Amino acid sequence: MTREKTDFWVGLFILLGLIALVFLALRAGNMSSFSFAPTYQVQAYFDNVGGLKVRAPIKSSGVVVGRVAAIGFDNQKFQASVVLDLEKSYEFPADSSASILTSGLLGEQYIGLTPGGEDKNLSDGSTIQMTQSAVVLEDLISKFLYDSAEKEGASHASPN
């Protein structure tokens, strides 16, 4: 009887260990917040999505209201096409805007939704018209270096 009891406890311990490993794997893969809440899909177009990834959070006022469902490229508009899965419990006006933001200085990127003031709400298949692309750190640095080199060149060229 003690052998069977020991086998039971060892099996239970291994099962709990496997559950803990699955939980950690989902947490590390940003998939821990599986939401089975009903959603509606909205489309947005950006000039540059930077490092935005599928399953990235969509936040409004710091609250996660959805996830990025897909990222692609539109051959007609020559822009990145992003499909957003928004939870049906969160309704946004049709003139809301979407921006690609970064958590901290070099953190992960997410989409920030800013509600508009229109009476009509976004619905399944709607397109967000006002978007702001990701700020690319390399572009900012090169712009800064180019501007400072241009100012220095202008100061040397001016007559004394």
Protein backbone atom coordinates (compact mmCIF):
# COMPACT_ATOMS: atom_id res chain seq x y z
CA MET A 1 0.00 0.00 0.00
CA THR A 2 2.83 2.43 0.73
CA ARG A 3 4.33 1.81 -2.70
CA GLU A 4 1.07 2.81 -4.40
CA LYS A 5 0.78 5.86 -2.16
CA THR A 6 4.33 6.94 -3.02
CA ASP A 7 3.68 6.44 -6.72
CA PHE A 8 0.56 8.58 -6.44
CA TRP A 9 2.43 11.47 -4.77
CA VAL A 10 5.31 11.27 -7.25
CA GLY A 11 2.86 11.33 -10.16
CA LEU A 12 1.01 14.29 -8.66
CA PHE A 13 4.29 16.17 -8.14
CA ILE A 14 5.34 15.55 -11.77
CA LEU A 15 1.91 16.66 -13.03
CA LEU A 16 2.13 19.92 -11.04
CA GLY A 17 5.64 20.47 -12.38
CA LEU A 18 4.43 20.05 -15.97
CA ILE A 19 1.55 22.46 -15.37
CA ALA A 20 4.03 25.00 -13.96
CA LEU A 21 6.28 24.60 -17.04
CA VAL A 22 3.34 25.14 -19.42
CA PHE A 23 2.32 28.22 -17.44
CA LEU A 24 5.87 29.65 -17.63
CA ALA A 25 6.13 28.91 -21.35
CA LEU A 26 2.85 30.70 -22.05
CA ARG A 27 3.87 33.61 -19.83
CA ALA A 28 7.24 33.96 -21.57
CA GLY A 29 5.56 33.79 -24.98
CA ASN A 30 3.17 36.65 -24.09
CA MET A 31 0.24 34.28 -24.37
CA SER A 32 -0.76 34.06 -20.71
CA SER A 33 -3.73 36.32 -21.18
CA PHE A 34 -5.76 34.07 -23.43
CA SER A 35 -9.02 35.86 -23.63
CA PHE A 36 -12.11 33.94 -24.55
CA ALA A 37 -14.15 37.14 -24.54
CA PRO A 38 -15.89 37.94 -27.82
CA THR A 39 -13.91 40.29 -30.05
CA TYR A 40 -14.36 42.41 -33.17
CA GLN A 41 -11.67 43.10 -35.76
CA VAL A 42 -10.59 46.55 -36.84
CA GLN A 43 -7.99 47.43 -39.50
CA ALA A 44 -5.35 50.17 -39.30
CA TYR A 45 -2.62 51.22 -41.75
CA PHE A 46 0.80 52.50 -40.67
CA ASP A 47 3.82 53.82 -42.59
CA ASN A 48 6.15 51.99 -40.20
CA VAL A 49 5.28 49.39 -37.56
CA GLY A 50 8.81 49.22 -36.14
CA GLY A 51 9.14 46.15 -33.91
CA LEU A 52 5.41 45.59 -33.39
CA LYS A 53 4.58 41.89 -33.12
CA VAL A 54 1.48 39.75 -33.43
CA ARG A 55 -0.21 39.33 -29.99
CA ALA A 56 1.16 42.71 -28.86
CA PRO A 57 -1.26 44.44 -26.50
CA ILE A 58 -3.66 47.18 -27.54
CA LYS A 59 -4.08 49.65 -24.69
CA SER A 60 -6.35 52.57 -23.97
CA SER A 61 -5.62 54.63 -20.85
CA GLY A 62 -3.18 51.90 -19.77
CA VAL A 63 -5.81 49.13 -19.89
CA VAL A 64 -5.38 46.21 -22.29
CA VAL A 65 -8.45 46.26 -24.54
CA GLY A 66 -7.28 43.81 -27.19
CA ARG A 67 -4.38 42.21 -29.06
CA VAL A 68 -2.77 42.56 -32.49
CA ALA A 69 -4.17 39.74 -34.64
CA ALA A 70 -2.08 40.09 -37.82
CA ILE A 71 0.50 42.30 -39.50
CA GLY A 72 0.88 42.42 -43.27
CA PHE A 73 1.70 44.70 -46.19
CA ASP A 74 -0.89 46.31 -48.45
CA ASN A 75 0.38 46.36 -52.06
CA GLN A 76 -2.07 49.11 -53.11
CA LYS A 77 -1.41 51.57 -50.27
CA PHE A 78 2.24 50.58 -49.77
CA GLN A 79 1.70 50.60 -46.02
CA ALA A 80 1.74 48.08 -43.22
CA SER A 81 -1.69 46.64 -42.54
CA VAL A 82 -2.45 45.76 -38.91
CA VAL A 83 -5.53 43.81 -37.83
CA LEU A 84 -6.63 44.57 -34.28
CA ASP A 85 -8.75 42.24 -32.16
CA LEU A 86 -10.69 44.45 -29.73
CA GLU A 87 -12.85 42.99 -26.97
CA LYS A 88 -16.56 43.64 -27.55
CA SER A 89 -16.92 44.95 -24.01
CA TYR A 90 -14.83 47.99 -25.06
CA GLU A 91 -16.49 50.26 -27.59
CA PHE A 92 -14.56 53.08 -29.26
CA PRO A 93 -15.85 55.98 -31.37
CA ALA A 94 -15.34 55.65 -35.13
CA ASP A 95 -12.94 58.62 -35.17
CA SER A 96 -10.54 57.06 -32.64
CA SER A 97 -6.83 57.15 -33.41
CA ALA A 98 -4.17 54.44 -33.11
CA SER A 99 -0.49 55.01 -32.32
CA ILE A 100 2.39 52.58 -32.04
CA LEU A 101 4.03 53.28 -28.69
CA THR A 102 6.92 51.80 -26.73
CA SER A 103 6.95 50.68 -23.09
CA GLY A 104 9.83 52.63 -21.62
CA LEU A 105 12.86 53.71 -23.64
CA LEU A 106 13.65 50.40 -25.35
CA GLY A 107 10.73 48.20 -24.25
CA GLU A 108 8.22 46.23 -26.27
CA GLN A 109 5.91 48.03 -28.64
CA TYR A 110 2.15 48.15 -28.33
CA ILE A 111 -0.76 50.01 -29.91
CA GLY A 112 -2.33 52.86 -28.00
CA LEU A 113 -5.93 53.73 -28.84
CA THR A 114 -7.14 57.27 -28.21
CA PRO A 115 -10.94 57.60 -28.28
CA GLY A 116 -12.48 60.24 -30.51
CA GLY A 117 -15.72 62.12 -30.03
CA GLU A 118 -18.02 60.70 -32.70
CA ASP A 119 -21.35 59.12 -31.75
CA LYS A 120 -20.93 56.15 -34.10
CA ASN A 121 -18.66 53.36 -32.77
CA LEU A 122 -16.09 51.15 -34.49
CA SER A 123 -17.57 47.84 -35.59
CA ASP A 124 -16.31 44.58 -37.05
CA GLY A 125 -14.46 45.37 -40.29
CA SER A 126 -14.02 49.11 -39.60
CA THR A 127 -10.82 50.94 -40.46
CA ILE A 128 -9.10 53.38 -38.13
CA GLN A 129 -8.29 56.42 -40.27
CA MET A 130 -5.96 58.36 -37.97
CA THR A 131 -2.76 56.49 -37.20
CA GLN A 132 0.70 57.40 -35.98
CA SER A 133 3.59 55.15 -36.94
CA ALA A 134 6.31 53.87 -34.66
CA VAL A 135 9.17 56.17 -33.76
CA VAL A 136 12.35 54.46 -34.93
CA LEU A 137 15.30 55.26 -32.69
CA GLU A 138 17.80 54.96 -35.55
CA ASP A 139 15.90 57.57 -37.58
CA LEU A 140 15.93 59.99 -34.66
CA ILE A 141 19.67 59.55 -34.14
CA SER A 142 20.49 60.02 -37.83
CA LYS A 143 18.26 63.11 -38.00
CA PHE A 144 20.00 64.57 -34.96
CA LEU A 145 23.46 63.87 -36.40
CA TYR A 146 22.49 65.23 -39.82
CA ASP A 147 21.01 68.42 -38.32
CA SER A 148 24.03 69.06 -36.10
CA ALA A 149 26.45 68.46 -39.02
CA GLU A 150 24.38 70.83 -41.18
CA LYS A 151 24.48 73.55 -38.49
CA GLU A 152 28.22 73.14 -38.07
CA GLY A 153 28.76 73.36 -41.83
CA ALA A 154 26.64 76.52 -42.00
CA SER A 155 28.58 78.19 -39.19
CA HIS A 156 31.89 77.56 -41.02
CA ALA A 157 30.51 78.84 -44.31
CA SER A 158 29.24 82.18 -42.95
CA PRO A 159 31.59 85.17 -43.41
CA ASN A 160 33.25 86.63 -40.30
